[in-house]
Amino acid sequence: MFRCLTVVVLCCLVSVECVSLGGCAKPKNLPDITVRAAHAGELADFRADLGARFTAEQLQPFDTAVQELQLDAMNRGIATADAREQDMLTAVNGKTVHATELLGWTARRNRLLREIAQMTVLLEHNLKLQQQTAATGTPESVTTHLQNVQEILARLHRDLTATDQKLTAWGAPR
């Protein structure tokens, strides 16, 4: 009698859990989930749902992609934050999480390449200043600025390498 009651209770618990979770179908893998982002509120609800189902570490690439798409909109001259957000929402709505990540991380790669090019020009300028002032003593401000630019370039190159590795792992075309 006790065993039968235990089995009935367990079956009821499983049934209640299946109903509360929207069925007992196997949950989709994160990359295969379709992004719901017709408007900002829908994306916020979608992200909250993902947050309940996946870890922050699993969601970090998606969050980065969304941010990078807004930065990309800024680079394309979309001035207001609301317009940049709408541009991003239009780009990701209906795509899979994987497609959104590819789109955003490709935008990240392009941004890093632009920043590396800009910093390289600045580095070359500072190296010329250093050469021009070497005989009379390079000002400390030039030396400090040169070191800062070199550190920034090193970080940008590390970020680019990590981004390329992630895109390659995801099978992004080159």
Protein backbone atom coordinates (compact mmCIF):
# COMPACT_ATOMS: atom_id res chain seq x y z
CA MET A 1 0.00 0.00 0.00
CA PHE A 2 2.80 2.44 0.94
CA ARG A 3 4.65 1.72 -2.33
CA CYS A 4 1.53 2.34 -4.40
CA LEU A 5 0.92 5.65 -2.66
CA THR A 6 4.55 6.71 -3.22
CA VAL A 7 4.32 5.90 -6.94
CA VAL A 8 1.04 7.81 -7.27
CA VAL A 9 2.52 10.85 -5.49
CA LEU A 10 5.65 10.79 -7.70
CA CYS A 11 3.55 10.50 -10.84
CA CYS A 12 1.46 13.47 -9.73
CA LEU A 13 4.58 15.53 -9.02
CA VAL A 14 6.01 14.72 -12.45
CA SER A 15 2.70 15.63 -14.08
CA VAL A 16 2.50 18.95 -12.23
CA GLU A 17 6.12 19.76 -13.12
CA CYS A 18 5.53 18.97 -16.79
CA VAL A 19 2.46 21.19 -16.90
CA SER A 20 4.19 24.08 -15.11
CA LEU A 21 7.17 23.95 -17.45
CA GLY A 22 5.01 23.95 -20.55
CA GLY A 23 5.21 20.25 -21.31
CA CYS A 24 7.72 17.48 -20.88
CA ALA A 25 9.42 17.88 -24.23
CA LYS A 26 13.19 18.05 -24.03
CA PRO A 27 14.22 21.71 -23.69
CA LYS A 28 15.98 23.19 -26.69
CA ASN A 29 19.70 23.78 -26.65
CA LEU A 30 20.53 27.45 -26.24
CA PRO A 31 21.93 27.96 -29.76
CA ASP A 32 18.71 26.64 -31.33
CA ILE A 33 16.30 28.90 -29.46
CA THR A 34 14.60 31.60 -31.55
CA VAL A 35 15.12 35.13 -30.24
CA ARG A 36 11.95 37.05 -29.41
CA ALA A 37 12.73 40.76 -29.79
CA ALA A 38 9.94 42.61 -31.59
CA HIS A 39 10.38 45.37 -29.00
CA ALA A 40 12.65 46.06 -26.03
CA GLY A 41 10.21 44.63 -23.50
CA GLU A 42 9.93 41.39 -25.40
CA LEU A 43 13.71 41.04 -25.53
CA ALA A 44 13.90 41.73 -21.79
CA ASP A 45 11.29 39.03 -21.13
CA PHE A 46 13.10 36.65 -23.48
CA ARG A 47 16.42 37.31 -21.74
CA ALA A 48 14.81 36.79 -18.32
CA ASP A 49 13.44 33.45 -19.53
CA LEU A 50 16.89 32.45 -20.74
CA GLY A 51 18.34 33.53 -17.39
CA ALA A 52 16.01 31.11 -15.64
CA ARG A 53 17.07 28.25 -17.89
CA PHE A 54 20.79 28.83 -18.50
CA THR A 55 23.79 30.05 -16.52
CA ALA A 56 25.25 33.54 -16.80
CA GLU A 57 28.36 31.97 -18.32
CA GLN A 58 26.27 30.27 -21.02
CA LEU A 59 24.48 33.54 -21.79
CA GLN A 60 27.58 35.76 -21.86
CA PRO A 61 28.21 35.32 -25.62
CA PHE A 62 24.59 36.24 -26.37
CA ASP A 63 24.72 39.31 -24.12
CA THR A 64 27.99 40.39 -25.73
CA ALA A 65 26.48 39.93 -29.19
CA VAL A 66 23.52 42.16 -28.34
CA GLN A 67 25.85 44.89 -27.02
CA GLU A 68 28.12 44.64 -30.04
CA LEU A 69 25.19 45.01 -32.42
CA GLN A 70 24.27 48.28 -30.72
CA LEU A 71 27.88 49.46 -30.97
CA ASP A 72 27.80 48.52 -34.64
CA ALA A 73 24.71 50.66 -35.11
CA MET A 74 26.58 53.57 -33.53
CA ASN A 75 29.48 53.02 -35.91
CA ARG A 76 27.01 53.15 -38.81
CA GLY A 77 25.91 56.60 -37.67
CA ILE A 78 22.70 55.73 -35.82
CA ALA A 79 22.80 58.52 -33.28
CA THR A 80 20.25 57.89 -30.54
CA ALA A 81 20.32 55.03 -28.07
CA ASP A 82 16.67 54.23 -28.84
CA ALA A 83 17.39 54.02 -32.57
CA ARG A 84 20.44 51.82 -31.96
CA GLU A 85 18.37 49.54 -29.77
CA GLN A 86 15.64 49.33 -32.42
CA ASP A 87 18.24 48.54 -35.07
CA MET A 88 19.58 45.70 -32.91
CA LEU A 89 16.07 44.40 -32.17
CA THR A 90 15.26 44.33 -35.89
CA ALA A 91 18.51 42.49 -36.59
CA VAL A 92 17.97 39.72 -34.01
CA ASN A 93 14.21 39.21 -33.85
CA GLY A 94 13.33 35.78 -35.20
CA LYS A 95 16.94 34.63 -35.51
CA THR A 96 18.33 31.82 -33.42
CA VAL A 97 20.59 32.58 -30.47
CA HIS A 98 23.43 31.05 -32.52
CA ALA A 99 22.75 33.32 -35.51
CA THR A 100 22.53 36.32 -33.18
CA GLU A 101 25.86 35.41 -31.61
CA LEU A 102 27.50 35.03 -35.02
CA LEU A 103 26.13 38.39 -36.12
CA GLY A 104 27.15 40.19 -32.93
CA TRP A 105 30.58 38.60 -32.62
CA THR A 106 31.31 39.34 -36.28
CA ALA A 107 30.43 42.97 -35.52
CA ARG A 108 32.79 42.73 -32.53
CA ARG A 109 35.58 41.43 -34.76
CA ASN A 110 35.05 44.29 -37.21
CA ARG A 111 35.05 46.85 -34.38
CA LEU A 112 38.30 45.45 -32.98
CA LEU A 113 39.92 45.59 -36.42
CA ARG A 114 38.89 49.26 -36.77
CA GLU A 115 40.21 50.10 -33.31
CA ILE A 116 43.49 48.28 -33.99
CA ALA A 117 43.92 50.29 -37.19
CA GLN A 118 43.24 53.57 -35.34
CA MET A 119 45.60 52.71 -32.50
CA THR A 120 48.30 51.60 -34.94
CA VAL A 121 48.21 55.04 -36.59
CA LEU A 122 48.49 56.63 -33.15
CA LEU A 123 51.39 54.32 -32.25
CA GLU A 124 53.25 55.21 -35.43
CA HIS A 125 52.74 58.91 -34.71
CA ASN A 126 54.10 58.50 -31.17
CA LEU A 127 57.07 56.48 -32.39
CA LYS A 128 57.92 59.31 -34.81
CA LEU A 129 57.67 61.82 -31.96
CA GLN A 130 59.96 59.64 -29.88
CA GLN A 131 62.52 59.50 -32.70
CA GLN A 132 62.32 63.23 -33.33
CA THR A 133 62.90 64.05 -29.67
CA ALA A 134 65.42 61.31 -28.86
CA ALA A 135 68.46 63.56 -29.25
CA THR A 136 67.08 66.23 -26.91
CA GLY A 137 65.29 63.85 -24.55
CA THR A 138 61.86 62.50 -25.25
CA PRO A 139 59.24 64.18 -23.05
CA GLU A 140 57.75 61.92 -20.40
CA SER A 141 54.27 62.60 -21.78
CA VAL A 142 55.27 61.08 -25.13
CA THR A 143 56.81 58.03 -23.45
CA THR A 144 53.77 57.53 -21.22
CA HIS A 145 51.38 57.94 -24.13
CA LEU A 146 53.44 55.50 -26.19
CA GLN A 147 53.27 52.90 -23.41
CA ASN A 148 49.53 53.38 -23.03
CA VAL A 149 48.93 52.94 -26.74
CA GLN A 150 51.08 49.79 -26.77
CA GLU A 151 49.10 48.34 -23.85
CA ILE A 152 45.80 49.13 -25.53
CA LEU A 153 46.99 47.56 -28.77
CA ALA A 154 48.08 44.42 -26.93
CA ARG A 155 44.63 44.16 -25.28
CA LEU A 156 42.87 44.72 -28.59
CA HIS A 157 44.96 41.98 -30.22
CA ARG A 158 44.15 39.59 -27.35
CA ASP A 159 40.46 40.39 -27.71
CA LEU A 160 40.65 39.88 -31.46
CA THR A 161 42.35 36.51 -31.02
CA ALA A 162 39.70 35.39 -28.52
CA THR A 163 36.94 36.63 -30.82
CA ASP A 164 38.42 34.80 -33.82
CA GLN A 165 38.72 31.61 -31.76
CA LYS A 166 35.07 31.85 -30.70
CA LEU A 167 33.89 32.53 -34.26
CA THR A 168 35.96 29.63 -35.58
CA ALA A 169 34.56 27.31 -32.89
CA TRP A 170 31.06 28.34 -33.98
CA GLY A 171 31.88 27.58 -37.62
CA ALA A 172 31.68 31.16 -38.84
CA PRO A 173 32.78 31.65 -42.44
CA ARG A 174 36.04 33.50 -43.00
